[in-house]
Each structure stands twice: as structure tokens, then as C-alpha cells.
PDB file of N, CA and C in Angstrom:
ATOM      1  N   UNK A   1      66.676 106.687 145.249  1.00  0.00           N
ATOM      2  CA  UNK A   1      67.600 107.378 146.015  1.00  0.00           C
ATOM      3  C   UNK A   1      66.898 109.056 145.811  1.00  0.00           C
ATOM      4  N   UNK A   2      66.656 109.662 147.508  1.00  0.00           N
ATOM      5  CA  UNK A   2      65.642 110.903 146.966  1.00  0.00           C
ATOM      6  C   UNK A   2      66.887 112.195 147.353  1.00  0.00           C
ATOM      7  N   UNK A   3      66.410 113.123 147.048  1.00  0.00           N
ATOM      8  CA  UNK A   3      66.993 114.116 146.230  1.00  0.00           C
ATOM      9  C   UNK A   3      68.048 114.704 147.675  1.00  0.00           C
ATOM     10  N   UNK A   4      67.443 114.948 148.783  1.00  0.00           N
ATOM     11  CA  UNK A   4      67.890 114.952 149.730  1.00  0.00           C
ATOM     12  C   UNK A   4      69.443 114.004 150.455  1.00  0.00           C
ATOM     13  N   UNK A   5      69.041 112.748 150.041  1.00  0.00           N
ATOM     14  CA  UNK A   5      70.043 112.039 149.857  1.00  0.00           C
ATOM     15  C   UNK A   5      71.418 112.222 148.811  1.00  0.00           C
ATOM     16  N   UNK A   6      71.064 112.641 147.586  1.00  0.00           N
ATOM     17  CA  UNK A   6      71.615 112.704 146.656  1.00  0.00           C
ATOM     18  C   UNK A   6      72.956 114.020 147.308  1.00  0.00           C
ATOM     19  N   UNK A   7      71.925 115.054 147.594  1.00  0.00           N
ATOM     20  CA  UNK A   7      72.674 116.244 147.909  1.00  0.00           C
ATOM     21  C   UNK A   7      73.410 115.651 149.060  1.00  0.00           C
ATOM     22  N   UNK A   8      73.410 115.014 150.069  1.00  0.00           N
ATOM     23  CA  UNK A   8      74.145 114.669 151.140  1.00  0.00           C
ATOM     24  C   UNK A   8      75.393 113.682 150.740  1.00  0.00           C
ATOM     25  N   UNK A   9      74.828 112.955 149.790  1.00  0.00           N
ATOM     26  CA  UNK A   9      76.060 112.056 149.491  1.00  0.00           C
ATOM     27  C   UNK A   9      77.204 112.790 148.181  1.00  0.00           C
ATOM     28  N   UNK A  10      76.830 113.995 147.853  1.00  0.00           N
ATOM     29  CA  UNK A  10      77.482 115.077 147.478  1.00  0.00           C
ATOM     30  C   UNK A  10      78.948 115.289 148.249  1.00  0.00           C
ATOM     31  N   UNK A  11      78.139 115.879 149.285  1.00  0.00           N
ATOM     32  CA  UNK A  11      78.924 116.863 150.469  1.00  0.00           C
ATOM     33  C   UNK A  11      79.984 115.460 151.082  1.00  0.00           C
ATOM     34  N   UNK A  12      79.260 114.037 150.813  1.00  0.00           N
ATOM     35  CA  UNK A  12      80.581 112.921 151.730  1.00  0.00           C
ATOM     36  C   UNK A  12      81.556 112.781 150.385  1.00  0.00           C
ATOM     37  N   UNK A  13      81.319 112.612 149.463  1.00  0.00           N
ATOM     38  CA  UNK A  13      81.761 111.830 148.171  1.00  0.00           C
ATOM     39  C   UNK A  13      82.848 113.072 147.433  1.00  0.00           C
ATOM     40  N   UNK A  14      82.751 114.328 147.432  1.00  0.00           N
ATOM     41  CA  UNK A  14      83.037 115.130 146.751  1.00  0.00           C
ATOM     42  C   UNK A  14      83.677 116.239 148.200  1.00  0.00           C
ATOM     43  N   UNK A  15      84.503 116.892 146.848  1.00  0.00           N
ATOM     44  CA  UNK A  15      85.539 118.066 148.027  1.00  0.00           C
ATOM     45  C   UNK A  15      84.786 119.233 148.117  1.00  0.00           C
ATOM     46  N   UNK A  16      83.279 119.248 148.737  1.00  0.00           N
ATOM     47  CA  UNK A  16      82.556 120.151 148.803  1.00  0.00           C
ATOM     48  C   UNK A  16      82.018 120.061 150.467  1.00  0.00           C
ATOM     49  N   UNK A  17      81.623 121.738 150.699  1.00  0.00           N
ATOM     50  CA  UNK A  17      80.589 121.795 151.983  1.00  0.00           C
ATOM     51  C   UNK A  17      79.391 121.734 152.088  1.00  0.00           C
ATOM     52  N   UNK A  18      78.665 121.700 150.444  1.00  0.00           N
ATOM     53  CA  UNK A  18      76.976 121.997 150.806  1.00  0.00           C
ATOM     54  C   UNK A  18      77.083 121.763 149.047  1.00  0.00           C
ATOM     55  N   UNK A  19      75.604 121.789 148.931  1.00  0.00           N
ATOM     56  CA  UNK A  19      75.325 121.067 147.587  1.00  0.00           C
ATOM     57  C   UNK A  19      73.467 121.462 147.275  1.00  0.00           C
ATOM     58  N   UNK A  20      72.928 121.704 146.258  1.00  0.00           N
ATOM     59  CA  UNK A  20      71.853 121.591 146.016  1.00  0.00           C
ATOM     60  C   UNK A  20      71.327 121.049 144.890  1.00  0.00           C
ATOM     61  N   UNK A  21      70.303 120.430 144.724  1.00  0.00           N
ATOM     62  CA  UNK A  21      69.797 120.213 143.428  1.00  0.00           C
ATOM     63  C   UNK A  21      68.252 121.165 142.981  1.00  0.00           C
ATOM     64  N   UNK A  22      68.824 121.478 141.580  1.00  0.00           N
ATOM     65  CA  UNK A  22      67.892 122.536 141.028  1.00  0.00           C
ATOM     66  C   UNK A  22      66.484 121.858 139.922  1.00  0.00           C
ATOM     67  N   UNK A  23      65.623 121.743 139.972  1.00  0.00           N
ATOM     68  CA  UNK A  23      64.800 121.495 138.988  1.00  0.00           C
ATOM     69  C   UNK A  23      64.493 122.930 138.076  1.00  0.00           C
ATOM     70  N   UNK A  24      65.062 122.832 136.626  1.00  0.00           N
ATOM     71  CA  UNK A  24      64.938 124.037 135.685  1.00  0.00           C
ATOM     72  C   UNK A  24      64.743 123.842 134.527  1.00  0.00           C
ATOM     73  N   UNK A  25      63.021 124.157 134.064  1.00  0.00           N
ATOM     74  CA  UNK A  25      62.205 123.820 132.726  1.00  0.00           C
ATOM     75  C   UNK A  25      62.739 124.750 131.881  1.00  0.00           C
ATOM     76  N   UNK A  26      63.304 125.903 132.206  1.00  0.00           N
ATOM     77  CA  UNK A  26      63.593 127.075 131.670  1.00  0.00           C
ATOM     78  C   UNK A  26      64.084 128.157 132.270  1.00  0.00           C
ATOM     79  N   UNK A  27      64.099 129.122 131.611  1.00  0.00           N
ATOM     80  CA  UNK A  27      65.170 130.253 132.394  1.00  0.00           C
ATOM     81  C   UNK A  27      63.965 131.027 133.300  1.00  0.00           C
ATOM     82  N   UNK A  28      62.776 130.747 133.373  1.00  0.00           N
ATOM     83  CA  UNK A  28      61.750 131.388 133.826  1.00  0.00           C
ATOM     84  C   UNK A  28      61.158 130.611 134.675  1.00  0.00           C
ATOM     85  N   UNK A  29      61.121 129.399 135.125  1.00  0.00           N
ATOM     86  CA  UNK A  29      60.452 128.320 135.347  1.00  0.00           C
ATOM     87  C   UNK A  29      61.461 127.055 135.971  1.00  0.00           C
ATOM     88  N   UNK A  30      61.935 127.085 137.707  1.00  0.00           N
ATOM     89  CA  UNK A  30      62.846 126.968 138.490  1.00  0.00           C
ATOM     90  C   UNK A  30      62.931 126.638 139.525  1.00  0.00           C
ATOM     91  N   UNK A  31      62.873 125.768 140.360  1.00  0.00           N
ATOM     92  CA  UNK A  31      63.046 125.778 142.066  1.00  0.00           C
ATOM     93  C   UNK A  31      64.331 124.729 142.222  1.00  0.00           C
ATOM     94  N   UNK A  32      64.450 125.224 143.765  1.00  0.00           N
ATOM     95  CA  UNK A  32      65.411 124.785 144.731  1.00  0.00           C
ATOM     96  C   UNK A  32      64.963 123.589 145.109  1.00  0.00           C
ATOM     97  N   UNK A  33      64.948 121.915 145.008  1.00  0.00           N
ATOM     98  CA  UNK A  33      64.615 120.945 145.072  1.00  0.00           C
ATOM     99  C   UNK A  33      65.148 120.669 146.733  1.00  0.00           C
ATOM    100  N   UNK A  34      66.309 120.596 146.904  1.00  0.00           N
ATOM    101  CA  UNK A  34      66.754 120.930 148.150  1.00  0.00           C
ATOM    102  C   UNK A  34      68.166 121.034 148.316  1.00  0.00           C
ATOM    103  N   UNK A  35      68.543 121.452 149.483  1.00  0.00           N
ATOM    104  CA  UNK A  35      69.902 122.505 149.268  1.00  0.00           C
ATOM    105  C   UNK A  35      70.165 121.882 150.920  1.00  0.00           C
ATOM    106  N   UNK A  36      71.319 121.297 151.657  1.00  0.00           N
ATOM    107  CA  UNK A  36      72.625 120.988 152.729  1.00  0.00           C
ATOM    108  C   UNK A  36      72.330 122.056 153.610  1.00  0.00           C
ATOM    109  N   UNK A  37      72.458 123.222 153.308  1.00  0.00           N
ATOM    110  CA  UNK A  37      72.730 124.482 154.529  1.00  0.00           C
ATOM    111  C   UNK A  37      72.113 125.641 153.428  1.00  0.00           C
ATOM    112  N   UNK A  38      71.694 126.423 154.819  1.00  0.00           N
ATOM    113  CA  UNK A  38      71.763 127.905 153.995  1.00  0.00           C
ATOM    114  C   UNK A  38      72.379 128.624 153.160  1.00  0.00           C
ATOM    115  N   UNK A  39      73.763 128.617 153.000  1.00  0.00           N
ATOM    116  CA  UNK A  39      74.738 128.958 151.586  1.00  0.00           C
ATOM    117  C   UNK A  39      74.739 128.392 150.662  1.00  0.00           C
ATOM    118  N   UNK A  40      74.164 127.336 150.206  1.00  0.00           N
ATOM    119  CA  UNK A  40      73.924 126.477 149.169  1.00  0.00           C
ATOM    120  C   UNK A  40      72.360 127.055 148.847  1.00  0.00           C
ATOM    121  N   UNK A  41      71.449 127.369 149.365  1.00  0.00           N
ATOM    122  CA  UNK A  41      70.153 127.878 149.332  1.00  0.00           C
ATOM    123  C   UNK A  41      70.064 129.483 148.850  1.00  0.00           C
ATOM    124  N   UNK A  42      71.333 130.099 149.780  1.00  0.00           N
ATOM    125  CA  UNK A  42      70.783 131.295 149.440  1.00  0.00           C
ATOM    126  C   UNK A  42      71.791 131.535 147.835  1.00  0.00           C
ATOM    127  N   UNK A  43      72.416 130.587 147.524  1.00  0.00           N
ATOM    128  CA  UNK A  43      73.475 130.648 146.239  1.00  0.00           C
ATOM    129  C   UNK A  43      72.533 130.897 145.313  1.00  0.00           C
ATOM    130  N   UNK A  44      71.415 129.591 145.367  1.00  0.00           N
ATOM    131  CA  UNK A  44      70.835 129.078 144.044  1.00  0.00           C
ATOM    132  C   UNK A  44      69.733 130.476 144.196  1.00  0.00           C
ATOM    133  N   UNK A  45      69.037 130.880 145.525  1.00  0.00           N
ATOM    134  CA  UNK A  45      68.382 132.588 145.212  1.00  0.00           C
ATOM    135  C   UNK A  45      68.650 133.343 144.559  1.00  0.00           C
ATOM    136  N   UNK A  46      70.201 133.516 144.753  1.00  0.00           N
ATOM    137  CA  UNK A  46      70.689 134.567 144.048  1.00  0.00           C
ATOM    138  C   UNK A  46      70.772 134.644 142.776  1.00  0.00           C
ATOM    139  N   UNK A  47      71.394 133.509 141.977  1.00  0.00           N
ATOM    140  CA  UNK A  47      71.355 132.780 141.050  1.00  0.00           C
ATOM    141  C   UNK A  47      69.853 133.214 139.790  1.00  0.00           C
ATOM    142  N   UNK A  48      68.788 132.933 140.521  1.00  0.00           N
ATOM    143  CA  UNK A  48      67.136 133.163 139.988  1.00  0.00           C
ATOM    144  C   UNK A  48      67.338 134.733 140.093  1.00  0.00           C
ATOM    145  N   UNK A  49      67.038 134.950 141.341  1.00  0.00           N
ATOM    146  CA  UNK A  49      66.684 136.732 141.187  1.00  0.00           C
ATOM    147  C   UNK A  49      67.867 137.259 140.320  1.00  0.00           C
ATOM    148  N   UNK A  50      69.084 137.392 140.205  1.00  0.00           N
ATOM    149  CA  UNK A  50      69.862 137.900 139.372  1.00  0.00           C
ATOM    150  C   UNK A  50      69.643 137.270 137.501  1.00  0.00           C
ATOM    151  N   UNK A  51      69.262 136.071 137.543  1.00  0.00           N
ATOM    152  CA  UNK A  51      69.403 135.547 136.389  1.00  0.00           C
ATOM    153  C   UNK A  51      70.883 135.400 135.950  1.00  0.00           C
ATOM    154  N   UNK A  52      71.800 135.168 136.523  1.00  0.00           N
ATOM    155  CA  UNK A  52      73.112 134.897 136.407  1.00  0.00           C
ATOM    156  C   UNK A  52      73.934 133.870 137.432  1.00  0.00           C
ATOM    157  N   UNK A  53      75.021 133.057 137.215  1.00  0.00           N
ATOM    158  CA  UNK A  53      75.428 132.066 137.771  1.00  0.00           C
ATOM    159  C   UNK A  53      75.729 131.251 137.065  1.00  0.00           C
ATOM    160  N   UNK A  54      76.599 130.507 137.707  1.00  0.00           N
ATOM    161  CA  UNK A  54      77.430 128.880 136.857  1.00  0.00           C
ATOM    162  C   UNK A  54      76.020 128.090 136.173  1.00  0.00           C
ATOM    163  N   UNK A  55      74.655 127.998 137.503  1.00  0.00           N
ATOM    164  CA  UNK A  55      73.455 127.000 137.409  1.00  0.00           C
ATOM    165  C   UNK A  55      72.908 127.820 135.838  1.00  0.00           C
ATOM    166  N   UNK A  56      72.739 129.118 136.104  1.00  0.00           N
ATOM    167  CA  UNK A  56      71.720 129.457 134.855  1.00  0.00           C
ATOM    168  C   UNK A  56      73.059 129.386 133.505  1.00  0.00           C
ATOM    169  N   UNK A  57      73.558 129.783 133.388  1.00  0.00           N
ATOM    170  CA  UNK A  57      74.716 129.495 132.520  1.00  0.00           C
ATOM    171  C   UNK A  57      74.815 127.938 131.665  1.00  0.00           C
ATOM    172  N   UNK A  58      74.742 127.239 132.569  1.00  0.00           N
ATOM    173  CA  UNK A  58      74.577 125.841 132.025  1.00  0.00           C
ATOM    174  C   UNK A  58      73.454 125.557 131.442  1.00  0.00           C
ATOM    175  N   UNK A  59      72.393 126.076 132.312  1.00  0.00           N
ATOM    176  CA  UNK A  59      71.342 125.390 131.546  1.00  0.00           C
ATOM    177  C   UNK A  59      70.407 126.381 129.916  1.00  0.00           C
ATOM    178  N   UNK A  60      71.241 127.799 130.269  1.00  0.00           N
ATOM    179  CA  UNK A  60      71.300 128.437 129.406  1.00  0.00           C
ATOM    180  C   UNK A  60      72.300 127.975 127.404  1.00  0.00           C
ATOM    181  N   UNK A  61      73.417 127.516 127.877  1.00  0.00           N
ATOM    182  CA  UNK A  61      74.398 126.965 127.225  1.00  0.00           C
ATOM    183  C   UNK A  61      73.961 125.241 126.362  1.00  0.00           C
ATOM    184  N   UNK A  62      73.414 124.703 127.899  1.00  0.00           N
ATOM    185  CA  UNK A  62      73.335 123.209 127.486  1.00  0.00           C
ATOM    186  C   UNK A  62      75.078 123.082 127.737  1.00  0.00           C
ATOM    187  N   UNK A  63      75.590 123.176 128.296  1.00  0.00           N
ATOM    188  CA  UNK A  63      77.217 123.118 128.516  1.00  0.00           C
ATOM    189  C   UNK A  63      77.721 123.055 129.887  1.00  0.00           C
ATOM    190  N   UNK A  64      78.496 121.853 130.686  1.00  0.00           N
ATOM    191  CA  UNK A  64      78.996 121.887 132.190  1.00  0.00           C
ATOM    192  C   UNK A  64      79.775 123.825 132.342  1.00  0.00           C
ATOM    193  N   UNK A  65      79.651 123.859 133.216  1.00  0.00           N
ATOM    194  CA  UNK A  65      80.154 124.954 133.941  1.00  0.00           C
ATOM    195  C   UNK A  65      81.236 124.644 135.267  1.00  0.00           C
ATOM    196  N   UNK A  66      82.204 125.155 135.218  1.00  0.00           N
ATOM    197  CA  UNK A  66      83.257 124.749 136.029  1.00  0.00           C
ATOM    198  C   UNK A  66      83.593 125.720 136.684  1.00  0.00           C
ATOM    199  N   UNK A  67      83.958 126.084 137.800  1.00  0.00           N
ATOM    200  CA  UNK A  67      84.262 127.626 138.373  1.00  0.00           C
ATOM    201  C   UNK A  67      85.497 127.183 139.625  1.00  0.00           C
ATOM    202  N   UNK A  68      86.516 127.379 139.865  1.00  0.00           N
ATOM    203  CA  UNK A  68      87.342 127.153 140.211  1.00  0.00           C
ATOM    204  C   UNK A  68      87.170 127.645 141.893  1.00  0.00           C
ATOM    205  N   UNK A  69      86.385 128.928 141.683  1.00  0.00           N
ATOM    206  CA  UNK A  69      86.257 129.330 143.275  1.00  0.00           C
ATOM    207  C   UNK A  69      85.105 130.799 143.002  1.00  0.00           C
ATOM    208  N   UNK A  70      83.981 130.506 143.683  1.00  0.00           N
ATOM    209  CA  UNK A  70      83.146 131.666 143.249  1.00  0.00           C
ATOM    210  C   UNK A  70      83.653 132.654 143.807  1.00  0.00           C
ATOM    211  N   UNK A  71      84.286 132.967 145.271  1.00  0.00           N
ATOM    212  CA  UNK A  71      84.423 133.999 146.160  1.00  0.00           C
ATOM    213  C   UNK A  71      85.578 134.864 145.588  1.00  0.00           C
ATOM    214  N   UNK A  72      86.136 134.627 144.613  1.00  0.00           N
ATOM    215  CA  UNK A  72      87.407 135.155 143.883  1.00  0.00           C
ATOM    216  C   UNK A  72      87.016 136.589 143.507  1.00  0.00           C
ATOM    217  N   UNK A  73      87.707 137.519 143.930  1.00  0.00           N
ATOM    218  CA  UNK A  73      87.178 138.957 144.354  1.00  0.00           C
ATOM    219  C   UNK A  73      88.144 139.276 142.138  1.00  0.00           C
ATOM    220  N   UNK A  74      86.868 139.708 141.901  1.00  0.00           N
ATOM    221  CA  UNK A  74      87.154 139.915 140.573  1.00  0.00           C
ATOM    222  C   UNK A  74      86.635 139.056 139.276  1.00  0.00           C
ATOM    223  N   UNK A  75      85.915 138.038 139.922  1.00  0.00           N
ATOM    224  CA  UNK A  75      85.692 137.124 138.979  1.00  0.00           C
ATOM    225  C   UNK A  75      85.153 137.374 137.635  1.00  0.00           C
ATOM    226  N   UNK A  76      85.310 136.970 136.838  1.00  0.00           N
ATOM    227  CA  UNK A  76      85.078 137.349 135.583  1.00  0.00           C
ATOM    228  C   UNK A  76      83.675 137.307 135.010  1.00  0.00           C
ATOM    229  N   UNK A  77      83.206 136.400 135.570  1.00  0.00           N
ATOM    230  CA  UNK A  77      81.810 136.132 134.844  1.00  0.00           C
ATOM    231  C   UNK A  77      80.853 136.646 135.907  1.00  0.00           C
ATOM    232  N   UNK A  78      80.928 136.040 137.600  1.00  0.00           N
ATOM    233  CA  UNK A  78      79.925 136.678 138.276  1.00  0.00           C
ATOM    234  C   UNK A  78      80.249 137.186 139.683  1.00  0.00           C
ATOM    235  N   UNK A  79      80.905 138.593 139.407  1.00  0.00           N
ATOM    236  CA  UNK A  79      81.675 138.999 140.654  1.00  0.00           C
ATOM    237  C   UNK A  79      80.410 139.372 141.479  1.00  0.00           C
ATOM    238  N   UNK A  80      79.162 139.474 141.038  1.00  0.00           N
ATOM    239  CA  UNK A  80      78.191 139.422 142.463  1.00  0.00           C
ATOM    240  C   UNK A  80      78.368 138.559 143.079  1.00  0.00           C
ATOM    241  N   UNK A  81      79.070 137.340 142.792  1.00  0.00           N
ATOM    242  CA  UNK A  81      79.208 136.063 144.097  1.00  0.00           C
ATOM    243  C   UNK A  81      80.581 136.206 144.899  1.00  0.00           C
ATOM    244  N   UNK A  82      81.014 137.520 144.701  1.00  0.00           N
ATOM    245  CA  UNK A  82      82.719 137.873 145.775  1.00  0.00           C
ATOM    246  C   UNK A  82      82.649 138.190 146.813  1.00  0.00           C
ATOM    247  N   UNK A  83      81.264 138.666 147.379  1.00  0.00           N
ATOM    248  CA  UNK A  83      80.658 138.700 148.790  1.00  0.00           C
ATOM    249  C   UNK A  83      79.884 138.415 149.220  1.00  0.00           C
ATOM    250  N   UNK A  84      79.640 137.049 149.407  1.00  0.00           N
ATOM    251  CA  UNK A  84      78.234 136.520 150.025  1.00  0.00           C
ATOM    252  C   UNK A  84      78.131 136.323 150.613  1.00  0.00           C
ATOM    253  N   UNK A  85      76.915 136.096 151.370  1.00  0.00           N
ATOM    254  CA  UNK A  85      76.135 136.486 152.663  1.00  0.00           C
ATOM    255  C   UNK A  85      76.846 135.765 153.856  1.00  0.00           C
ATOM    256  N   UNK A  86      76.600 136.476 154.892  1.00  0.00           N
ATOM    257  CA  UNK A  86      77.565 135.983 156.040  1.00  0.00           C
ATOM    258  C   UNK A  86      77.715 134.321 156.420  1.00  0.00           C
ATOM    259  N   UNK A  87      78.577 133.603 156.810  1.00  0.00           N
ATOM    260  CA  UNK A  87      78.599 132.331 156.906  1.00  0.00           C
ATOM    261  C   UNK A  87      79.727 131.984 156.141  1.00  0.00           C
ATOM    262  N   UNK A  88      79.797 130.232 155.698  1.00  0.00           N
ATOM    263  CA  UNK A  88      81.106 130.210 155.231  1.00  0.00           C
ATOM    264  C   UNK A  88      80.889 130.689 153.555  1.00  0.00           C
ATOM    265  N   UNK A  89      82.028 130.715 153.001  1.00  0.00           N
ATOM    266  CA  UNK A  89      82.367 131.164 151.523  1.00  0.00           C
ATOM    267  C   UNK A  89      81.930 130.209 150.510  1.00  0.00           C
ATOM    268  N   UNK A  90      81.397 130.100 149.535  1.00  0.00           N
ATOM    269  CA  UNK A  90      81.253 129.392 148.428  1.00  0.00           C
ATOM    270  C   UNK A  90      82.679 129.436 147.998  1.00  0.00           C
ATOM    271  N   UNK A  91      83.118 127.948 147.370  1.00  0.00           N
ATOM    272  CA  UNK A  91      84.200 127.816 146.729  1.00  0.00           C
ATOM    273  C   UNK A  91      84.047 127.039 145.360  1.00  0.00           C
ATOM    274  N   UNK A  92      84.542 125.590 145.011  1.00  0.00           N
ATOM    275  CA  UNK A  92      84.491 125.109 143.959  1.00  0.00           C
ATOM    276  C   UNK A  92      83.078 124.933 143.753  1.00  0.00           C
ATOM    277  N   UNK A  93      82.494 124.993 142.573  1.00  0.00           N
ATOM    278  CA  UNK A  93      81.520 124.637 142.130  1.00  0.00           C
ATOM    279  C   UNK A  93      81.746 124.101 140.240  1.00  0.00           C
ATOM    280  N   UNK A  94      80.358 123.173 140.199  1.00  0.00           N
ATOM    281  CA  UNK A  94      80.434 122.661 138.980  1.00  0.00           C
ATOM    282  C   UNK A  94      78.783 122.311 138.505  1.00  0.00           C
ATOM    283  N   UNK A  95      78.853 122.853 137.282  1.00  0.00           N
ATOM    284  CA  UNK A  95      77.016 122.717 136.725  1.00  0.00           C
ATOM    285  C   UNK A  95      77.217 122.440 135.948  1.00  0.00           C
ATOM    286  N   UNK A  96      76.136 121.319 135.408  1.00  0.00           N
ATOM    287  CA  UNK A  96      75.729 120.380 133.965  1.00  0.00           C
ATOM    288  C   UNK A  96      74.529 120.984 133.583  1.00  0.00           C
ATOM    289  N   UNK A  97      74.113 120.595 132.481  1.00  0.00           N
ATOM    290  CA  UNK A  97      73.021 120.995 132.166  1.00  0.00           C
ATOM    291  C   UNK A  97      72.106 119.672 132.236  1.00  0.00           C
ATOM    292  N   UNK A  98      70.748 119.839 132.891  1.00  0.00           N
ATOM    293  CA  UNK A  98      70.126 118.223 132.874  1.00  0.00           C
ATOM    294  C   UNK A  98      68.560 118.898 132.889  1.00  0.00           C
ATOM    295  N   UNK A  99      67.819 117.644 132.951  1.00  0.00           N
ATOM    296  CA  UNK A  99      66.585 118.458 133.562  1.00  0.00           C
ATOM    297  C   UNK A  99      66.593 118.778 134.581  1.00  0.00           C
ATOM    298  N   UNK A 100      67.261 118.312 135.267  1.00  0.00           N
ATOM    299  CA  UNK A 100      67.687 118.537 136.985  1.00  0.00           C
ATOM    300  C   UNK A 100      68.890 119.118 137.028  1.00  0.00           C
ATOM    301  N   UNK A 101      69.526 120.060 137.247  1.00  0.00           N
ATOM    302  CA  UNK A 101      70.555 120.683 137.573  1.00  0.00           C
ATOM    303  C   UNK A 101      71.180 120.385 138.945  1.00  0.00           C
ATOM    304  N   UNK A 102      72.444 119.351 139.298  1.00  0.00           N
ATOM    305  CA  UNK A 102      72.819 119.139 140.560  1.00  0.00           C
ATOM    306  C   UNK A 102      74.227 120.344 140.881  1.00  0.00           C
ATOM    307  N   UNK A 103      74.106 120.746 141.694  1.00  0.00           N
ATOM    308  CA  UNK A 103      75.023 121.928 142.204  1.00  0.00           C
ATOM    309  C   UNK A 103      76.187 121.664 143.330  1.00  0.00           C
ATOM    310  N   UNK A 104      77.476 121.557 143.473  1.00  0.00           N
ATOM    311  CA  UNK A 104      78.039 121.298 144.660  1.00  0.00           C
ATOM    312  C   UNK A 104      78.772 122.480 144.996  1.00  0.00           C
ATOM    313  N   UNK A 105      78.976 122.590 146.334  1.00  0.00           N
ATOM    314  CA  UNK A 105      79.895 124.205 146.928  1.00  0.00           C
ATOM    315  C   UNK A 105      80.759 123.782 147.393  1.00  0.00           C
ATOM    316  N   UNK A 106      82.196 124.066 147.388  1.00  0.00           N
ATOM    317  CA  UNK A 106      83.305 123.410 148.236  1.00  0.00           C
ATOM    318  C   UNK A 106      83.609 124.843 149.082  1.00  0.00           C
ATOM    319  N   UNK A 107      84.964 124.668 149.799  1.00  0.00           N
ATOM    320  CA  UNK A 107      85.962 125.674 150.010  1.00  0.00           C
ATOM    321  C   UNK A 107      87.173 125.378 150.030  1.00  0.00           C
TER     322      UNK A 107
END
């Protein structure tokens, strides 16, 4: 199964509207393998640029990170995600630390 198929399966099987697969070797070596839409791609780019966010935390702690709504105003961990770029807003997300970290975003 290709990374694109896995991303698309996430949007079909989970209550999300977008997904991305990110390969992270360490905090300085990472790349987005695929994303289902521009919002998912932008969220990954933002996390890598700021070196903050659920994906970065999952990689650094080695533990899953569950977030009910990244758009929540005043989110205690990542307030920079409260005002996303134009388009659909990010919602629930889950991150787990693996050699490849898969993310899913919902509304």
C-alpha cells in the first residue's frame, strides 16, 4: 500500500477531513511524504518551521499525542494553530511516534 493510499484511507475510515504522513529521523531531519490536501500540508510545514506541534512532541517524547481541536482559541500547548491559513480549519488530531509518523486532521 502506498503512502497516498494510506492517507486517503485515513480520511475514509476516520472522522477526519485530511491526513499526512511525515517521516522523521530526528528533530532536524524530516519530510512530508504525502498529504491529502493543502491544509494538512500547511500544518506539517508550520510544525517543522516552528519546531512545535503534536507531531514534533510525539517524536520528541516517544508518546502518542491526542488533541481534540487544534483550532481551539488559547490552546495551552500550541496557540499558534488557533488561526490557521484560509480554508477548512484543523480539528481533532492524533500523533504517534514511529519511524514514520502518521497524522490525521478532522473538523
